[in-house]
Amino acid sequence: MSRGVRASPAGHPSDPACKPQLDQIFATAHEYGLVVHVHTSPGAASDIDQVGALVEEYAGPDGVPLHLVHLGGGMSGHMKLIGGRLFDWIERGFKVYTDTSWTIGFAPAWLVKEIERRGIGHDRILFATDAPWGDFEGEYARLRAAAGDGDLADAFFSENFSALYG
């Protein structure tokens, strides 16, 4: 059984009018030990710039685990997330995770290089696909090629999901 909850109040995550709903969602997730899934995409309320407000507010060291779906969402989201934010949040002790669904060509290889360069993040990445809308074979092949077939691949393809969701 999944231990996640999807947060989807109307409006932007940084909109003060959404705060009561968000507080309730995250309080419930905290109470029951749930992970909150947050959709990311380029632009609008699910842009990583907006979603970052949720991470900052709710995923701190004593907060709720946040699963940022789609690796930040598209090229701009990938660049923002892999380019620093994900790793900065991890270094600050935030409970933030992401998956590789809908990643574009360069992202898995860049992600692996950043994990190797920084020495963190290997335990925060999940393989996922958005089937039937996604490209399972392509998503799998890109991440497999980047991660190889050792410990990092084991973490991405099974261990991290098991650790996060039980």
C-alpha atoms as a PDB file:
ATOM      1  CA  MET A   1       0.000   0.000   0.000  1.00  0.00           C
ATOM      2  CA  SER A   2       1.371   3.414  -0.931  1.00  0.00           C
ATOM      3  CA  ARG A   3       2.202   5.776   1.887  1.00  0.00           C
ATOM      4  CA  GLY A   4       1.728   8.932  -0.152  1.00  0.00           C
ATOM      5  CA  VAL A   5      -0.756  11.753  -0.462  1.00  0.00           C
ATOM      6  CA  ARG A   6      -1.098  14.152  -3.386  1.00  0.00           C
ATOM      7  CA  ALA A   7      -1.295  17.844  -2.585  1.00  0.00           C
ATOM      8  CA  SER A   8      -3.460  19.726  -5.050  1.00  0.00           C
ATOM      9  CA  PRO A   9      -5.153  22.806  -3.626  1.00  0.00           C
ATOM     10  CA  ALA A  10      -6.226  25.411  -6.148  1.00  0.00           C
ATOM     11  CA  GLY A  11      -3.757  28.236  -6.631  1.00  0.00           C
ATOM     12  CA  HIS A  12      -0.008  28.610  -6.297  1.00  0.00           C
ATOM     13  CA  PRO A  13       1.939  26.957  -3.465  1.00  0.00           C
ATOM     14  CA  SER A  14       3.191  30.371  -2.357  1.00  0.00           C
ATOM     15  CA  ASP A  15      -0.324  31.902  -2.390  1.00  0.00           C
ATOM     16  CA  PRO A  16      -1.306  32.828   1.204  1.00  0.00           C
ATOM     17  CA  ALA A  17      -4.895  31.800   0.450  1.00  0.00           C
ATOM     18  CA  CYS A  18      -3.687  28.199  -0.029  1.00  0.00           C
ATOM     19  CA  LYS A  19      -1.764  28.073   3.257  1.00  0.00           C
ATOM     20  CA  PRO A  20      -4.610  26.686   5.420  1.00  0.00           C
ATOM     21  CA  GLN A  21      -5.188  23.808   2.994  1.00  0.00           C
ATOM     22  CA  LEU A  22      -1.484  23.143   2.663  1.00  0.00           C
ATOM     23  CA  ASP A  23      -1.003  23.233   6.425  1.00  0.00           C
ATOM     24  CA  GLN A  24      -3.777  20.652   6.771  1.00  0.00           C
ATOM     25  CA  ILE A  25      -2.340  18.399   4.055  1.00  0.00           C
ATOM     26  CA  PHE A  26       1.139  18.472   5.547  1.00  0.00           C
ATOM     27  CA  ALA A  27      -0.063  18.121   9.147  1.00  0.00           C
ATOM     28  CA  THR A  28      -2.012  15.021   8.139  1.00  0.00           C
ATOM     29  CA  ALA A  29       0.967  13.622   6.247  1.00  0.00           C
ATOM     30  CA  HIS A  30       3.197  14.269   9.274  1.00  0.00           C
ATOM     31  CA  GLU A  31       0.712  12.651  11.659  1.00  0.00           C
ATOM     32  CA  TYR A  32       0.405   9.478   9.580  1.00  0.00           C
ATOM     33  CA  GLY A  33       3.998   9.276   8.339  1.00  0.00           C
ATOM     34  CA  LEU A  34       3.043   9.888   4.713  1.00  0.00           C
ATOM     35  CA  VAL A  35       5.025  11.166   1.760  1.00  0.00           C
ATOM     36  CA  VAL A  36       3.498  14.077  -0.189  1.00  0.00           C
ATOM     37  CA  HIS A  37       3.711  13.873  -3.995  1.00  0.00           C
ATOM     38  CA  VAL A  38       4.060  17.205  -5.740  1.00  0.00           C
ATOM     39  CA  HIS A  39       3.737  17.431  -9.508  1.00  0.00           C
ATOM     40  CA  THR A  40       6.357  19.558 -11.248  1.00  0.00           C
ATOM     41  CA  SER A  41       6.191  21.004 -14.735  1.00  0.00           C
ATOM     42  CA  PRO A  42       7.570  23.992 -16.601  1.00  0.00           C
ATOM     43  CA  GLY A  43       5.506  27.016 -15.619  1.00  0.00           C
ATOM     44  CA  ALA A  44       2.448  27.884 -13.536  1.00  0.00           C
ATOM     45  CA  ALA A  45       1.756  26.505 -10.065  1.00  0.00           C
ATOM     46  CA  SER A  46       3.831  23.348 -10.547  1.00  0.00           C
ATOM     47  CA  ASP A  47       6.967  25.141 -11.741  1.00  0.00           C
ATOM     48  CA  ILE A  48       9.905  24.303  -9.487  1.00  0.00           C
ATOM     49  CA  ASP A  49      10.115  27.984  -8.521  1.00  0.00           C
ATOM     50  CA  GLN A  50       6.613  27.684  -7.029  1.00  0.00           C
ATOM     51  CA  VAL A  51       7.085  24.155  -5.678  1.00  0.00           C
ATOM     52  CA  GLY A  52      10.278  25.300  -3.979  1.00  0.00           C
ATOM     53  CA  ALA A  53       8.083  27.268  -1.578  1.00  0.00           C
ATOM     54  CA  LEU A  54       6.552  23.966  -0.423  1.00  0.00           C
ATOM     55  CA  VAL A  55       9.967  22.406   0.043  1.00  0.00           C
ATOM     56  CA  GLU A  56      11.162  25.366   2.080  1.00  0.00           C
ATOM     57  CA  GLU A  57       8.016  25.470   4.207  1.00  0.00           C
ATOM     58  CA  TYR A  58       7.282  21.804   4.815  1.00  0.00           C
ATOM     59  CA  ALA A  59      10.217  19.475   3.974  1.00  0.00           C
ATOM     60  CA  GLY A  60      12.830  20.714   6.438  1.00  0.00           C
ATOM     61  CA  PRO A  61      14.727  18.395   8.767  1.00  0.00           C
ATOM     62  CA  ASP A  62      11.655  17.972  10.996  1.00  0.00           C
ATOM     63  CA  GLY A  63       9.209  18.121   8.115  1.00  0.00           C
ATOM     64  CA  VAL A  64       7.379  15.813   5.768  1.00  0.00           C
ATOM     65  CA  PRO A  65       9.073  13.929   2.931  1.00  0.00           C
ATOM     66  CA  LEU A  66       8.250  15.529  -0.432  1.00  0.00           C
ATOM     67  CA  HIS A  67       8.406  13.528  -3.643  1.00  0.00           C
ATOM     68  CA  LEU A  68       8.893  15.963  -6.529  1.00  0.00           C
ATOM     69  CA  VAL A  69       7.505  14.143  -9.546  1.00  0.00           C
ATOM     70  CA  HIS A  70       9.176  14.563 -12.983  1.00  0.00           C
ATOM     71  CA  LEU A  71      12.652  15.718 -11.805  1.00  0.00           C
ATOM     72  CA  GLY A  72      11.543  19.330 -11.675  1.00  0.00           C
ATOM     73  CA  GLY A  73       9.484  19.170 -14.865  1.00  0.00           C
ATOM     74  CA  GLY A  74      11.011  19.615 -18.308  1.00  0.00           C
ATOM     75  CA  MET A  75      14.297  21.154 -19.346  1.00  0.00           C
ATOM     76  CA  SER A  76      14.039  24.301 -17.221  1.00  0.00           C
ATOM     77  CA  GLY A  77      12.913  22.300 -14.193  1.00  0.00           C
ATOM     78  CA  HIS A  78      15.677  19.729 -14.652  1.00  0.00           C
ATOM     79  CA  MET A  79      18.261  22.501 -14.859  1.00  0.00           C
ATOM     80  CA  LYS A  80      16.941  24.284 -11.773  1.00  0.00           C
ATOM     81  CA  LEU A  81      16.620  21.125  -9.694  1.00  0.00           C
ATOM     82  CA  ILE A  82      19.772  19.252 -10.734  1.00  0.00           C
ATOM     83  CA  GLY A  83      21.714  22.480 -11.091  1.00  0.00           C
ATOM     84  CA  GLY A  84      21.694  22.996  -7.345  1.00  0.00           C
ATOM     85  CA  ARG A  85      18.394  23.181  -5.538  1.00  0.00           C
ATOM     86  CA  LEU A  86      17.954  19.452  -4.929  1.00  0.00           C
ATOM     87  CA  PHE A  87      21.469  19.071  -3.587  1.00  0.00           C
ATOM     88  CA  ASP A  88      21.303  22.275  -1.554  1.00  0.00           C
ATOM     89  CA  TRP A  89      18.087  21.064   0.090  1.00  0.00           C
ATOM     90  CA  ILE A  90      19.635  17.667   0.817  1.00  0.00           C
ATOM     91  CA  GLU A  91      22.697  19.328   2.388  1.00  0.00           C
ATOM     92  CA  ARG A  92      20.346  21.372   4.581  1.00  0.00           C
ATOM     93  CA  GLY A  93      18.692  18.152   5.806  1.00  0.00           C
ATOM     94  CA  PHE A  94      15.464  18.549   3.857  1.00  0.00           C
ATOM     95  CA  LYS A  95      13.377  15.456   3.136  1.00  0.00           C
ATOM     96  CA  VAL A  96      13.138  15.923  -0.601  1.00  0.00           C
ATOM     97  CA  TYR A  97      13.053  13.197  -3.234  1.00  0.00           C
ATOM     98  CA  THR A  98      12.496  13.164  -6.966  1.00  0.00           C
ATOM     99  CA  ASP A  99      11.857  10.695  -9.735  1.00  0.00           C
ATOM    100  CA  THR A 100      13.000  10.401 -13.299  1.00  0.00           C
ATOM    101  CA  SER A 101       9.627  10.203 -15.020  1.00  0.00           C
ATOM    102  CA  TRP A 102       9.427  12.420 -18.103  1.00  0.00           C
ATOM    103  CA  THR A 103      13.132  13.241 -17.995  1.00  0.00           C
ATOM    104  CA  ILE A 104      14.640  14.425 -21.222  1.00  0.00           C
ATOM    105  CA  GLY A 105      17.855  13.139 -22.814  1.00  0.00           C
ATOM    106  CA  PHE A 106      20.622  14.866 -20.899  1.00  0.00           C
ATOM    107  CA  ALA A 107      19.071  14.812 -17.435  1.00  0.00           C
ATOM    108  CA  PRO A 108      19.884  11.292 -16.140  1.00  0.00           C
ATOM    109  CA  ALA A 109      23.561  11.547 -17.103  1.00  0.00           C
ATOM    110  CA  TRP A 110      23.852  15.024 -15.565  1.00  0.00           C
ATOM    111  CA  LEU A 111      22.062  13.828 -12.431  1.00  0.00           C
ATOM    112  CA  VAL A 112      24.485  10.926 -11.957  1.00  0.00           C
ATOM    113  CA  LYS A 113      27.488  13.209 -12.521  1.00  0.00           C
ATOM    114  CA  GLU A 114      26.189  15.662  -9.904  1.00  0.00           C
ATOM    115  CA  ILE A 115      25.638  12.850  -7.402  1.00  0.00           C
ATOM    116  CA  GLU A 116      29.171  11.615  -7.986  1.00  0.00           C
ATOM    117  CA  ARG A 117      30.631  15.139  -7.839  1.00  0.00           C
ATOM    118  CA  ARG A 118      28.780  16.168  -4.682  1.00  0.00           C
ATOM    119  CA  GLY A 119      28.775  12.788  -2.960  1.00  0.00           C
ATOM    120  CA  ILE A 120      25.091  13.102  -1.965  1.00  0.00           C
ATOM    121  CA  GLY A 121      21.689  12.427  -3.475  1.00  0.00           C
ATOM    122  CA  HIS A 122      22.094   8.774  -4.399  1.00  0.00           C
ATOM    123  CA  ASP A 123      19.382   7.921  -1.859  1.00  0.00           C
ATOM    124  CA  ARG A 124      16.871  10.538  -3.117  1.00  0.00           C
ATOM    125  CA  ILE A 125      16.256   9.456  -6.706  1.00  0.00           C
ATOM    126  CA  LEU A 126      13.522   7.046  -7.780  1.00  0.00           C
ATOM    127  CA  PHE A 127      12.997   5.526 -11.182  1.00  0.00           C
ATOM    128  CA  ALA A 128       9.454   6.199 -12.321  1.00  0.00           C
ATOM    129  CA  THR A 129       7.528   6.403 -15.529  1.00  0.00           C
ATOM    130  CA  ASP A 130       4.349   8.209 -16.390  1.00  0.00           C
ATOM    131  CA  ALA A 131       2.910   5.260 -18.312  1.00  0.00           C
ATOM    132  CA  PRO A 132       0.856   5.184 -20.377  1.00  0.00           C
ATOM    133  CA  TRP A 133       1.705   8.826 -21.187  1.00  0.00           C
ATOM    134  CA  GLY A 134       5.426   8.444 -20.638  1.00  0.00           C
ATOM    135  CA  ASP A 135       8.051   6.551 -22.557  1.00  0.00           C
ATOM    136  CA  PHE A 136       8.882   3.613 -20.278  1.00  0.00           C
ATOM    137  CA  GLU A 137      11.517   2.068 -22.524  1.00  0.00           C
ATOM    138  CA  GLY A 138      13.263   5.382 -23.148  1.00  0.00           C
ATOM    139  CA  GLU A 139      13.068   6.527 -19.525  1.00  0.00           C
ATOM    140  CA  TYR A 140      14.395   3.180 -18.318  1.00  0.00           C
ATOM    141  CA  ALA A 141      17.183   3.060 -20.924  1.00  0.00           C
ATOM    142  CA  ARG A 142      18.382   6.618 -20.200  1.00  0.00           C
ATOM    143  CA  LEU A 143      18.582   6.057 -16.451  1.00  0.00           C
ATOM    144  CA  ARG A 144      20.090   2.568 -16.819  1.00  0.00           C
ATOM    145  CA  ALA A 145      22.772   3.940 -19.168  1.00  0.00           C
ATOM    146  CA  ALA A 146      23.607   6.741 -16.750  1.00  0.00           C
ATOM    147  CA  ALA A 147      23.551   4.660 -13.552  1.00  0.00           C
ATOM    148  CA  GLY A 148      25.120   1.463 -14.888  1.00  0.00           C
ATOM    149  CA  ASP A 149      24.319  -1.802 -13.199  1.00  0.00           C
ATOM    150  CA  GLY A 150      25.883  -1.448  -9.755  1.00  0.00           C
ATOM    151  CA  ASP A 151      24.889   0.043  -6.410  1.00  0.00           C
ATOM    152  CA  LEU A 152      23.617   3.319  -7.852  1.00  0.00           C
ATOM    153  CA  ALA A 153      21.265   1.528 -10.235  1.00  0.00           C
ATOM    154  CA  ASP A 154      20.041  -0.712  -7.407  1.00  0.00           C
ATOM    155  CA  ALA A 155      19.269   2.391  -5.354  1.00  0.00           C
ATOM    156  CA  PHE A 156      17.434   4.173  -8.187  1.00  0.00           C
ATOM    157  CA  PHE A 157      15.458   1.180  -9.426  1.00  0.00           C
ATOM    158  CA  SER A 158      14.355  -0.380  -6.145  1.00  0.00           C
ATOM    159  CA  GLU A 159      16.073   0.467  -2.853  1.00  0.00           C
ATOM    160  CA  ASN A 160      15.157   4.155  -2.649  1.00  0.00           C
ATOM    161  CA  PHE A 161      11.498   3.481  -3.352  1.00  0.00           C
ATOM    162  CA  SER A 162      11.405   0.765  -0.701  1.00  0.00           C
ATOM    163  CA  ALA A 163      13.124   3.013   1.844  1.00  0.00           C
ATOM    164  CA  LEU A 164      10.765   5.933   1.158  1.00  0.00           C
ATOM    165  CA  TYR A 165       7.465   4.082   0.843  1.00  0.00           C
ATOM    166  CA  GLY A 166       8.103   0.923   2.865  1.00  0.00           C
END
